[in-house]
Amino acid sequence: MYALTIYSPKEPWNKNKLVGQKLPLKTQQIWSIRIRLELFKKTRDLALFNLAIDSKLRGCDLVVLRVRDICHGTAIQSRAIVIRKKTQLPVQFEITENTRKFISELIATQNLSSSDYLFKSRAKPSDHISTRQYGRIVDNWVDSIGLDKTQYGTHAMRRTKPSLIYKKTKNKNLIACQLLLGHRKLESTV
C-alpha cells in the first residue's frame, strides 16, 4: 500500500515581513561607518563603501569593476564611465579624492594589475566578490553603527548620494537625481 504524501507549497521568502524600498544613509551615518572602517584599517571595505556611494552603481555593476575601469596607468581617474548590466547603457560618475585615496591603498596592498577585479573574492582570487557577499558586507556596516539591517541594503548605497543632493537643493532638483541614478523615467526616480 502506498502512503499519500501531501506537499505544501513553499513558503514565500517575504511572508510576515515588511518589504519595500531601503532607506538611504544620512550624512552622520556615512561618517560613522567611515570612521569605524578607518579605525579597524579595513582598506577594501573603505574603498568599496566610498566607491558605492560615489558611483551610485547597482551592486551587480559595482562588484565587477576592474582596476582598468577606473585607472589610467597608475593614476585613478576623477571620473569613470562604465556600461550598466541592467540597461546596457553607459553611466559616468565622479570619484572623489577621499575615494581615490582608499582605492590607491587597495591597489597597492593587494598588488592589483589593470586586468584584476577591484574587489577580489577571498575564496576564488581570480574572481570578484559576489553581489550576495557585497550584501553581507553592507549588512555588517549598517549593523556596526546600530542600525536595523532590514531597513538598509545594497540599493541604499546607490540611493544615498542622490537623496543627499535632493535634500540640499530643497527638493527642487529631481531631474539631477534622475540623471545621477540613470533612470529613463522620472517616475522611477520619484
N, C-alpha and C. Protein backbone atom coordinates (compact mmCIF):
# COMPACT_ATOMS: atom_id res chain seq x y z
N MET A 1 0.84 -1.17 0.00
CA MET A 1 0.00 0.00 0.00
C MET A 1 0.90 1.24 0.00
N TYR A 2 0.51 2.25 -0.77
CA TYR A 2 1.29 3.48 -0.87
C TYR A 2 0.73 4.55 0.04
N ALA A 3 1.65 5.28 0.68
CA ALA A 3 1.22 6.39 1.53
C ALA A 3 1.05 7.63 0.66
N LEU A 4 0.00 8.33 0.91
CA LEU A 4 -0.27 9.56 0.17
C LEU A 4 0.48 10.70 0.84
N THR A 5 1.36 11.32 0.07
CA THR A 5 2.13 12.44 0.60
C THR A 5 1.54 13.74 0.08
N ILE A 6 1.25 14.62 0.99
CA ILE A 6 0.69 15.92 0.61
C ILE A 6 1.82 16.95 0.69
N TYR A 7 2.07 17.59 -0.43
CA TYR A 7 3.10 18.62 -0.47
C TYR A 7 2.46 19.98 -0.26
N SER A 8 3.02 20.70 0.66
CA SER A 8 2.54 22.07 0.85
C SER A 8 3.43 22.99 0.02
N PRO A 9 2.87 24.03 -0.52
CA PRO A 9 3.70 24.95 -1.32
C PRO A 9 4.77 25.59 -0.44
N LYS A 10 5.88 25.90 -1.07
CA LYS A 10 6.98 26.53 -0.35
C LYS A 10 6.54 27.89 0.17
N GLU A 11 6.94 28.18 1.38
CA GLU A 11 6.55 29.45 1.99
C GLU A 11 7.31 30.60 1.34
N PRO A 12 6.62 31.67 0.98
CA PRO A 12 7.29 32.81 0.34
C PRO A 12 8.33 33.42 1.29
N TRP A 13 9.43 33.92 0.69
CA TRP A 13 10.51 34.47 1.49
C TRP A 13 10.09 35.70 2.27
N ASN A 14 9.06 36.43 1.76
CA ASN A 14 8.67 37.68 2.39
C ASN A 14 7.40 37.57 3.24
N LYS A 15 7.00 36.34 3.58
CA LYS A 15 5.80 36.16 4.40
C LYS A 15 6.03 36.76 5.79
N ASN A 16 5.10 37.56 6.23
CA ASN A 16 5.14 38.24 7.53
C ASN A 16 6.32 39.20 7.68
N LYS A 17 6.86 39.68 6.56
CA LYS A 17 7.95 40.65 6.61
C LYS A 17 7.53 41.92 5.90
N LEU A 18 7.99 43.03 6.41
CA LEU A 18 7.75 44.30 5.74
C LEU A 18 8.85 44.50 4.71
N VAL A 19 8.45 44.61 3.47
CA VAL A 19 9.44 44.82 2.41
C VAL A 19 9.10 46.09 1.68
N GLY A 20 10.05 46.62 1.01
CA GLY A 20 9.84 47.86 0.27
C GLY A 20 11.19 48.51 0.03
N GLN A 21 11.16 49.79 -0.27
CA GLN A 21 12.40 50.50 -0.55
C GLN A 21 13.28 50.57 0.69
N LYS A 22 14.56 50.40 0.45
CA LYS A 22 15.53 50.53 1.54
C LYS A 22 15.85 52.01 1.73
N LEU A 23 16.12 52.38 2.96
CA LEU A 23 16.41 53.78 3.28
C LEU A 23 17.82 54.16 2.81
N PRO A 24 18.00 55.38 2.33
CA PRO A 24 19.36 55.84 2.05
C PRO A 24 20.04 56.23 3.37
N LEU A 25 21.35 56.20 3.38
CA LEU A 25 22.09 56.61 4.56
C LEU A 25 22.09 58.13 4.69
N LYS A 26 22.13 58.60 5.93
CA LYS A 26 22.24 60.04 6.19
C LYS A 26 23.72 60.38 6.40
N THR A 27 24.03 61.66 6.32
CA THR A 27 25.42 62.11 6.41
C THR A 27 26.10 61.60 7.68
N GLN A 28 25.44 61.69 8.82
CA GLN A 28 26.02 61.24 10.08
C GLN A 28 26.30 59.73 10.04
N GLN A 29 25.41 58.97 9.44
CA GLN A 29 25.59 57.51 9.34
C GLN A 29 26.77 57.17 8.43
N ILE A 30 26.91 57.93 7.34
CA ILE A 30 28.03 57.72 6.42
C ILE A 30 29.35 57.91 7.17
N TRP A 31 29.44 59.00 7.91
CA TRP A 31 30.68 59.28 8.63
C TRP A 31 30.92 58.28 9.74
N SER A 32 29.88 57.81 10.39
CA SER A 32 30.04 56.79 11.44
C SER A 32 30.64 55.51 10.87
N ILE A 33 30.15 55.09 9.71
CA ILE A 33 30.67 53.88 9.06
C ILE A 33 32.11 54.11 8.62
N ARG A 34 32.38 55.25 8.00
CA ARG A 34 33.75 55.55 7.54
C ARG A 34 34.75 55.53 8.69
N ILE A 35 34.39 56.16 9.79
CA ILE A 35 35.29 56.23 10.95
C ILE A 35 35.56 54.84 11.50
N ARG A 36 34.53 54.01 11.61
CA ARG A 36 34.72 52.63 12.10
C ARG A 36 35.64 51.84 11.18
N LEU A 37 35.43 51.98 9.87
CA LEU A 37 36.26 51.24 8.92
C LEU A 37 37.71 51.73 8.97
N GLU A 38 37.89 53.04 9.15
CA GLU A 38 39.25 53.58 9.26
C GLU A 38 39.93 53.11 10.54
N LEU A 39 39.19 53.10 11.65
CA LEU A 39 39.77 52.65 12.92
C LEU A 39 40.23 51.21 12.85
N PHE A 40 39.48 50.37 12.16
CA PHE A 40 39.83 48.96 12.05
C PHE A 40 40.70 48.67 10.82
N LYS A 41 41.13 49.74 10.13
CA LYS A 41 42.03 49.63 8.98
C LYS A 41 41.53 48.65 7.91
N LYS A 42 40.26 48.79 7.56
CA LYS A 42 39.64 47.93 6.55
C LYS A 42 39.68 48.66 5.20
N THR A 43 40.82 48.57 4.54
CA THR A 43 41.05 49.29 3.29
C THR A 43 40.07 48.89 2.20
N ARG A 44 39.88 47.59 2.02
CA ARG A 44 38.96 47.12 0.97
C ARG A 44 37.54 47.63 1.22
N ASP A 45 37.10 47.52 2.47
CA ASP A 45 35.75 47.98 2.80
C ASP A 45 35.60 49.48 2.62
N LEU A 46 36.64 50.24 2.99
CA LEU A 46 36.59 51.70 2.81
C LEU A 46 36.50 52.06 1.32
N ALA A 47 37.30 51.38 0.50
CA ALA A 47 37.26 51.63 -0.94
C ALA A 47 35.88 51.24 -1.50
N LEU A 48 35.37 50.11 -1.07
CA LEU A 48 34.06 49.63 -1.54
C LEU A 48 32.94 50.57 -1.10
N PHE A 49 32.96 50.96 0.17
CA PHE A 49 31.94 51.85 0.71
C PHE A 49 31.94 53.20 -0.02
N ASN A 50 33.11 53.82 -0.11
CA ASN A 50 33.20 55.13 -0.76
C ASN A 50 32.85 55.07 -2.23
N LEU A 51 33.30 54.03 -2.92
CA LEU A 51 33.00 53.91 -4.35
C LEU A 51 31.52 53.60 -4.57
N ALA A 52 30.92 52.85 -3.68
CA ALA A 52 29.48 52.57 -3.80
C ALA A 52 28.67 53.86 -3.72
N ILE A 53 29.04 54.73 -2.80
CA ILE A 53 28.32 56.00 -2.66
C ILE A 53 28.63 56.93 -3.83
N ASP A 54 29.90 57.05 -4.20
CA ASP A 54 30.28 57.94 -5.30
C ASP A 54 29.67 57.51 -6.64
N SER A 55 29.73 56.22 -6.92
CA SER A 55 29.35 55.75 -8.26
C SER A 55 27.85 55.62 -8.46
N LYS A 56 27.12 55.39 -7.39
CA LYS A 56 25.68 55.17 -7.48
C LYS A 56 25.35 53.96 -8.37
N LEU A 57 26.26 53.00 -8.42
CA LEU A 57 26.05 51.80 -9.24
C LEU A 57 25.26 50.76 -8.46
N ARG A 58 24.53 49.94 -9.19
CA ARG A 58 23.88 48.79 -8.58
C ARG A 58 24.98 47.83 -8.13
N GLY A 59 24.65 46.98 -7.18
CA GLY A 59 25.63 46.02 -6.65
C GLY A 59 26.25 45.16 -7.73
N CYS A 60 25.43 44.70 -8.69
CA CYS A 60 25.95 43.82 -9.74
C CYS A 60 26.97 44.54 -10.62
N ASP A 61 26.86 45.85 -10.75
CA ASP A 61 27.81 46.62 -11.55
C ASP A 61 29.05 46.99 -10.74
N LEU A 62 28.88 47.20 -9.46
CA LEU A 62 29.98 47.62 -8.59
C LEU A 62 30.98 46.49 -8.37
N VAL A 63 30.50 45.28 -8.10
CA VAL A 63 31.41 44.18 -7.76
C VAL A 63 32.25 43.71 -8.94
N VAL A 64 31.83 44.00 -10.17
CA VAL A 64 32.58 43.54 -11.35
C VAL A 64 33.56 44.59 -11.89
N LEU A 65 33.71 45.71 -11.20
CA LEU A 65 34.66 46.73 -11.65
C LEU A 65 36.07 46.18 -11.63
N ARG A 66 36.79 46.48 -12.69
CA ARG A 66 38.20 46.11 -12.78
C ARG A 66 39.04 47.37 -12.55
N VAL A 67 40.28 47.17 -12.24
CA VAL A 67 41.19 48.29 -11.99
C VAL A 67 41.21 49.21 -13.21
N ARG A 68 41.25 48.64 -14.41
CA ARG A 68 41.32 49.44 -15.65
C ARG A 68 40.07 50.29 -15.89
N ASP A 69 38.95 49.94 -15.24
CA ASP A 69 37.72 50.71 -15.40
C ASP A 69 37.82 52.09 -14.76
N ILE A 70 38.68 52.22 -13.75
CA ILE A 70 38.77 53.49 -13.04
C ILE A 70 40.17 54.09 -13.04
N CYS A 71 41.12 53.40 -13.65
CA CYS A 71 42.52 53.87 -13.67
C CYS A 71 43.03 54.07 -15.09
N HIS A 72 43.91 55.05 -15.23
CA HIS A 72 44.72 55.24 -16.43
C HIS A 72 46.15 55.07 -15.98
N GLY A 73 46.75 53.95 -16.32
CA GLY A 73 48.08 53.66 -15.81
C GLY A 73 48.02 53.47 -14.32
N THR A 74 48.76 54.28 -13.59
CA THR A 74 48.74 54.18 -12.12
C THR A 74 47.86 55.25 -11.48
N ALA A 75 47.34 56.18 -12.30
CA ALA A 75 46.51 57.27 -11.77
C ALA A 75 45.03 56.89 -11.80
N ILE A 76 44.38 57.11 -10.69
CA ILE A 76 42.94 56.86 -10.62
C ILE A 76 42.22 58.08 -11.16
N GLN A 77 41.29 57.84 -12.07
CA GLN A 77 40.57 58.92 -12.73
C GLN A 77 39.63 59.62 -11.76
N SER A 78 39.38 60.89 -11.99
CA SER A 78 38.40 61.60 -11.17
C SER A 78 36.98 61.33 -11.67
N ARG A 79 36.87 60.86 -12.92
CA ARG A 79 35.58 60.45 -13.48
C ARG A 79 35.79 59.14 -14.22
N ALA A 80 34.78 58.28 -14.15
CA ALA A 80 34.85 57.00 -14.85
C ALA A 80 33.53 56.74 -15.57
N ILE A 81 33.60 55.94 -16.61
CA ILE A 81 32.41 55.56 -17.36
C ILE A 81 32.38 54.04 -17.45
N VAL A 82 31.25 53.45 -17.07
CA VAL A 82 31.06 52.01 -17.19
C VAL A 82 29.72 51.72 -17.85
N ILE A 83 29.59 50.53 -18.42
CA ILE A 83 28.33 50.09 -19.02
C ILE A 83 27.55 49.34 -17.95
N ARG A 84 26.31 49.77 -17.72
CA ARG A 84 25.47 49.12 -16.72
C ARG A 84 24.93 47.80 -17.25
N LYS A 85 24.90 46.81 -16.39
CA LYS A 85 24.44 45.48 -16.77
C LYS A 85 22.95 45.46 -17.09
N LYS A 86 22.15 46.15 -16.31
CA LYS A 86 20.70 46.11 -16.48
C LYS A 86 20.24 46.78 -17.77
N THR A 87 20.79 47.94 -18.07
CA THR A 87 20.30 48.72 -19.21
C THR A 87 21.22 48.67 -20.42
N GLN A 88 22.43 48.18 -20.23
CA GLN A 88 23.45 48.15 -21.29
C GLN A 88 23.78 49.56 -21.80
N LEU A 89 23.58 50.55 -20.95
CA LEU A 89 23.89 51.93 -21.29
C LEU A 89 25.06 52.42 -20.44
N PRO A 90 25.86 53.34 -20.98
CA PRO A 90 26.98 53.85 -20.18
C PRO A 90 26.51 54.82 -19.10
N VAL A 91 27.24 54.84 -18.01
CA VAL A 91 26.98 55.79 -16.95
C VAL A 91 28.33 56.36 -16.51
N GLN A 92 28.34 57.67 -16.31
CA GLN A 92 29.56 58.35 -15.86
C GLN A 92 29.37 58.74 -14.41
N PHE A 93 30.44 58.62 -13.63
CA PHE A 93 30.36 59.02 -12.22
C PHE A 93 31.68 59.63 -11.79
N GLU A 94 31.59 60.46 -10.78
CA GLU A 94 32.77 61.12 -10.23
C GLU A 94 33.34 60.28 -9.09
N ILE A 95 34.65 60.23 -9.00
CA ILE A 95 35.31 59.54 -7.90
C ILE A 95 36.01 60.61 -7.07
N THR A 96 35.55 60.81 -5.85
CA THR A 96 36.08 61.87 -5.00
C THR A 96 37.51 61.57 -4.57
N GLU A 97 38.19 62.60 -4.10
CA GLU A 97 39.59 62.49 -3.67
C GLU A 97 39.75 61.44 -2.58
N ASN A 98 38.85 61.46 -1.60
CA ASN A 98 38.91 60.50 -0.49
C ASN A 98 38.79 59.06 -1.00
N THR A 99 37.88 58.84 -1.94
CA THR A 99 37.69 57.51 -2.52
C THR A 99 38.92 57.08 -3.30
N ARG A 100 39.49 58.00 -4.08
CA ARG A 100 40.70 57.70 -4.85
C ARG A 100 41.85 57.29 -3.93
N LYS A 101 41.94 57.93 -2.78
CA LYS A 101 42.99 57.61 -1.80
C LYS A 101 42.88 56.15 -1.34
N PHE A 102 41.66 55.74 -0.98
CA PHE A 102 41.47 54.38 -0.48
C PHE A 102 41.59 53.33 -1.59
N ILE A 103 41.18 53.69 -2.80
CA ILE A 103 41.35 52.77 -3.93
C ILE A 103 42.84 52.58 -4.22
N SER A 104 43.61 53.67 -4.15
CA SER A 104 45.07 53.57 -4.34
C SER A 104 45.70 52.64 -3.32
N GLU A 105 45.28 52.79 -2.06
CA GLU A 105 45.79 51.91 -1.00
C GLU A 105 45.42 50.47 -1.26
N LEU A 106 44.18 50.24 -1.71
CA LEU A 106 43.72 48.89 -2.00
C LEU A 106 44.55 48.26 -3.12
N ILE A 107 44.76 49.00 -4.19
CA ILE A 107 45.53 48.51 -5.32
C ILE A 107 46.97 48.18 -4.89
N ALA A 108 47.55 49.06 -4.06
CA ALA A 108 48.92 48.85 -3.60
C ALA A 108 49.03 47.66 -2.65
N THR A 109 48.14 47.56 -1.67
CA THR A 109 48.24 46.48 -0.68
C THR A 109 47.94 45.11 -1.29
N GLN A 110 47.04 45.07 -2.26
CA GLN A 110 46.70 43.78 -2.88
C GLN A 110 47.49 43.52 -4.16
N ASN A 111 48.35 44.47 -4.51
CA ASN A 111 49.20 44.33 -5.69
C ASN A 111 48.38 43.97 -6.94
N LEU A 112 47.36 44.78 -7.21
CA LEU A 112 46.44 44.51 -8.32
C LEU A 112 46.99 45.02 -9.64
N SER A 113 46.76 44.27 -10.69
CA SER A 113 47.13 44.72 -12.04
C SER A 113 45.89 45.32 -12.70
N SER A 114 46.05 45.92 -13.86
CA SER A 114 44.92 46.61 -14.51
C SER A 114 43.81 45.66 -14.91
N SER A 115 44.10 44.39 -15.13
CA SER A 115 43.05 43.44 -15.53
C SER A 115 42.37 42.77 -14.34
N ASP A 116 42.86 43.01 -13.13
CA ASP A 116 42.27 42.40 -11.93
C ASP A 116 40.96 43.07 -11.55
N TYR A 117 40.10 42.29 -10.90
CA TYR A 117 38.90 42.87 -10.31
C TYR A 117 39.34 43.76 -9.15
N LEU A 118 38.65 44.85 -8.97
CA LEU A 118 38.98 45.77 -7.88
C LEU A 118 38.68 45.14 -6.52
N PHE A 119 37.56 44.42 -6.45
CA PHE A 119 37.14 43.79 -5.20
C PHE A 119 37.18 42.28 -5.40
N LYS A 120 38.36 41.72 -5.18
CA LYS A 120 38.59 40.29 -5.42
C LYS A 120 37.94 39.43 -4.34
N SER A 121 37.49 38.27 -4.77
CA SER A 121 36.96 37.28 -3.85
C SER A 121 38.10 36.68 -3.05
N ARG A 122 37.84 36.41 -1.79
CA ARG A 122 38.87 35.76 -0.97
C ARG A 122 38.83 34.25 -1.20
N ALA A 123 37.66 33.74 -1.60
CA ALA A 123 37.53 32.30 -1.84
C ALA A 123 38.15 31.91 -3.18
N LYS A 124 37.89 32.71 -4.21
CA LYS A 124 38.44 32.47 -5.54
C LYS A 124 39.19 33.72 -5.97
N PRO A 125 40.49 33.80 -5.75
CA PRO A 125 41.25 35.02 -6.02
C PRO A 125 41.16 35.55 -7.45
N SER A 126 40.84 34.68 -8.41
CA SER A 126 40.73 35.16 -9.80
C SER A 126 39.37 35.74 -10.10
N ASP A 127 38.46 35.70 -9.14
CA ASP A 127 37.09 36.17 -9.33
C ASP A 127 36.81 37.38 -8.44
N HIS A 128 35.64 38.01 -8.65
CA HIS A 128 35.24 39.16 -7.83
C HIS A 128 34.31 38.69 -6.71
N ILE A 129 34.08 39.56 -5.73
CA ILE A 129 33.12 39.22 -4.68
C ILE A 129 31.74 39.13 -5.33
N SER A 130 30.89 38.32 -4.75
CA SER A 130 29.55 38.16 -5.31
C SER A 130 28.66 39.30 -4.81
N THR A 131 27.54 39.48 -5.47
CA THR A 131 26.60 40.51 -5.02
C THR A 131 26.03 40.13 -3.65
N ARG A 132 25.91 38.83 -3.40
CA ARG A 132 25.44 38.38 -2.09
C ARG A 132 26.46 38.72 -1.01
N GLN A 133 27.74 38.52 -1.32
CA GLN A 133 28.79 38.88 -0.37
C GLN A 133 28.79 40.38 -0.12
N TYR A 134 28.61 41.15 -1.18
CA TYR A 134 28.51 42.60 -1.03
C TYR A 134 27.34 42.95 -0.11
N GLY A 135 26.23 42.26 -0.27
CA GLY A 135 25.07 42.48 0.60
C GLY A 135 25.39 42.20 2.06
N ARG A 136 26.13 41.13 2.32
CA ARG A 136 26.54 40.80 3.69
C ARG A 136 27.47 41.88 4.26
N ILE A 137 28.35 42.38 3.41
CA ILE A 137 29.29 43.44 3.84
C ILE A 137 28.50 44.69 4.23
N VAL A 138 27.52 45.08 3.40
CA VAL A 138 26.68 46.24 3.70
C VAL A 138 25.92 46.01 5.01
N ASP A 139 25.39 44.80 5.19
CA ASP A 139 24.69 44.47 6.45
C ASP A 139 25.62 44.66 7.65
N ASN A 140 26.87 44.25 7.52
CA ASN A 140 27.83 44.41 8.62
C ASN A 140 28.10 45.88 8.91
N TRP A 141 28.24 46.70 7.84
CA TRP A 141 28.48 48.13 8.04
C TRP A 141 27.32 48.76 8.81
N VAL A 142 26.12 48.47 8.37
CA VAL A 142 24.92 49.06 8.96
C VAL A 142 24.76 48.58 10.39
N ASP A 143 24.96 47.29 10.61
CA ASP A 143 24.84 46.70 11.94
C ASP A 143 25.88 47.28 12.90
N SER A 144 27.07 47.60 12.39
CA SER A 144 28.16 48.09 13.24
C SER A 144 27.86 49.45 13.87
N ILE A 145 26.97 50.21 13.26
CA ILE A 145 26.62 51.52 13.85
C ILE A 145 25.23 51.49 14.49
N GLY A 146 24.69 50.28 14.68
CA GLY A 146 23.45 50.12 15.43
C GLY A 146 22.17 50.35 14.64
N LEU A 147 22.23 50.31 13.33
CA LEU A 147 21.02 50.47 12.53
C LEU A 147 20.40 49.11 12.25
N ASP A 148 19.11 49.10 11.94
CA ASP A 148 18.39 47.88 11.60
C ASP A 148 18.76 47.48 10.18
N LYS A 149 19.45 46.35 10.03
CA LYS A 149 19.94 45.97 8.71
C LYS A 149 18.82 45.56 7.74
N THR A 150 17.61 45.36 8.25
CA THR A 150 16.49 45.07 7.34
C THR A 150 16.01 46.35 6.65
N GLN A 151 16.39 47.51 7.18
CA GLN A 151 15.97 48.78 6.60
C GLN A 151 16.95 49.32 5.57
N TYR A 152 18.15 48.72 5.49
CA TYR A 152 19.20 49.20 4.59
C TYR A 152 19.74 48.02 3.80
N GLY A 153 20.24 48.30 2.62
CA GLY A 153 20.82 47.24 1.80
C GLY A 153 21.72 47.83 0.74
N THR A 154 22.07 47.01 -0.24
CA THR A 154 22.97 47.47 -1.29
C THR A 154 22.35 48.61 -2.09
N HIS A 155 21.04 48.57 -2.26
CA HIS A 155 20.40 49.64 -3.03
C HIS A 155 20.37 50.94 -2.23
N ALA A 156 20.45 50.85 -0.92
CA ALA A 156 20.53 52.05 -0.09
C ALA A 156 21.82 52.80 -0.40
N MET A 157 22.88 52.06 -0.70
CA MET A 157 24.15 52.70 -1.04
C MET A 157 24.00 53.49 -2.35
N ARG A 158 23.26 52.92 -3.29
CA ARG A 158 23.03 53.56 -4.58
C ARG A 158 22.21 54.84 -4.43
N ARG A 159 21.27 54.84 -3.51
CA ARG A 159 20.34 55.95 -3.35
C ARG A 159 20.86 57.05 -2.43
N THR A 160 21.96 56.81 -1.72
CA THR A 160 22.43 57.75 -0.70
C THR A 160 22.80 59.11 -1.26
N LYS A 161 23.71 59.17 -2.23
CA LYS A 161 24.19 60.45 -2.74
C LYS A 161 23.06 61.27 -3.40
N PRO A 162 22.24 60.66 -4.27
CA PRO A 162 21.13 61.44 -4.84
C PRO A 162 20.16 61.97 -3.78
N SER A 163 19.93 61.19 -2.73
CA SER A 163 19.00 61.68 -1.69
C SER A 163 19.60 62.86 -0.94
N LEU A 164 20.91 62.84 -0.71
CA LEU A 164 21.56 63.98 -0.04
C LEU A 164 21.52 65.23 -0.91
N ILE A 165 21.74 65.06 -2.21
CA ILE A 165 21.67 66.20 -3.14
C ILE A 165 20.25 66.74 -3.20
N TYR A 166 19.28 65.84 -3.24
CA TYR A 166 17.87 66.23 -3.29
C TYR A 166 17.49 67.06 -2.06
N LYS A 167 17.97 66.63 -0.89
CA LYS A 167 17.66 67.37 0.34
C LYS A 167 18.39 68.71 0.39
N LYS A 168 19.63 68.77 -0.11
CA LYS A 168 20.39 70.01 -0.10
C LYS A 168 19.78 71.06 -1.03
N THR A 169 19.19 70.62 -2.12
CA THR A 169 18.59 71.57 -3.07
C THR A 169 17.13 71.86 -2.72
N LYS A 170 16.75 71.50 -1.51
CA LYS A 170 15.39 71.77 -1.01
C LYS A 170 14.32 71.16 -1.92
N ASN A 171 14.55 69.92 -2.30
CA ASN A 171 13.58 69.15 -3.09
C ASN A 171 13.25 69.78 -4.45
N LYS A 172 14.18 70.53 -5.02
CA LYS A 172 13.92 71.20 -6.28
C LYS A 172 14.63 70.55 -7.46
N ASN A 173 15.54 69.64 -7.21
CA ASN A 173 16.36 69.15 -8.31
C ASN A 173 16.17 67.65 -8.55
N LEU A 174 14.96 67.26 -8.82
CA LEU A 174 14.63 65.86 -9.06
C LEU A 174 15.25 65.36 -10.36
N ILE A 175 15.37 66.23 -11.35
CA ILE A 175 15.94 65.83 -12.64
C ILE A 175 17.42 65.51 -12.48
N ALA A 176 18.13 66.25 -11.63
CA ALA A 176 19.55 65.94 -11.37
C ALA A 176 19.67 64.56 -10.74
N CYS A 177 18.78 64.24 -9.82
CA CYS A 177 18.79 62.91 -9.19
C CYS A 177 18.49 61.82 -10.22
N GLN A 178 17.58 62.11 -11.14
CA GLN A 178 17.25 61.17 -12.21
C GLN A 178 18.50 60.88 -13.06
N LEU A 179 19.22 61.93 -13.40
CA LEU A 179 20.44 61.76 -14.20
C LEU A 179 21.51 61.00 -13.42
N LEU A 180 21.66 61.30 -12.13
CA LEU A 180 22.66 60.61 -11.32
C LEU A 180 22.38 59.12 -11.22
N LEU A 181 21.12 58.77 -11.12
CA LEU A 181 20.75 57.35 -11.00
C LEU A 181 20.64 56.66 -12.35
N GLY A 182 20.57 57.44 -13.42
CA GLY A 182 20.48 56.85 -14.74
C GLY A 182 19.11 56.31 -15.08
N HIS A 183 18.09 56.86 -14.44
CA HIS A 183 16.71 56.42 -14.72
C HIS A 183 16.21 57.05 -16.02
N ARG A 184 15.47 56.28 -16.78
CA ARG A 184 14.88 56.82 -18.01
C ARG A 184 13.60 57.60 -17.72
N LYS A 185 12.86 57.15 -16.72
CA LYS A 185 11.59 57.79 -16.38
C LYS A 185 11.70 58.50 -15.04
N LEU A 186 11.12 59.67 -14.98
CA LEU A 186 11.14 60.47 -13.76
C LEU A 186 10.37 59.74 -12.64
N GLU A 187 9.36 58.97 -13.02
CA GLU A 187 8.55 58.23 -12.03
C GLU A 187 9.42 57.24 -11.24
N SER A 188 10.41 56.66 -11.91
CA SER A 188 11.31 55.73 -11.23
C SER A 188 12.13 56.45 -10.15
N THR A 189 12.53 57.66 -10.46
CA THR A 189 13.32 58.44 -9.51
C THR A 189 12.48 58.88 -8.33
N VAL A 190 11.24 59.27 -8.59
CA VAL A 190 10.34 59.71 -7.53
C VAL A 190 10.14 58.59 -6.54
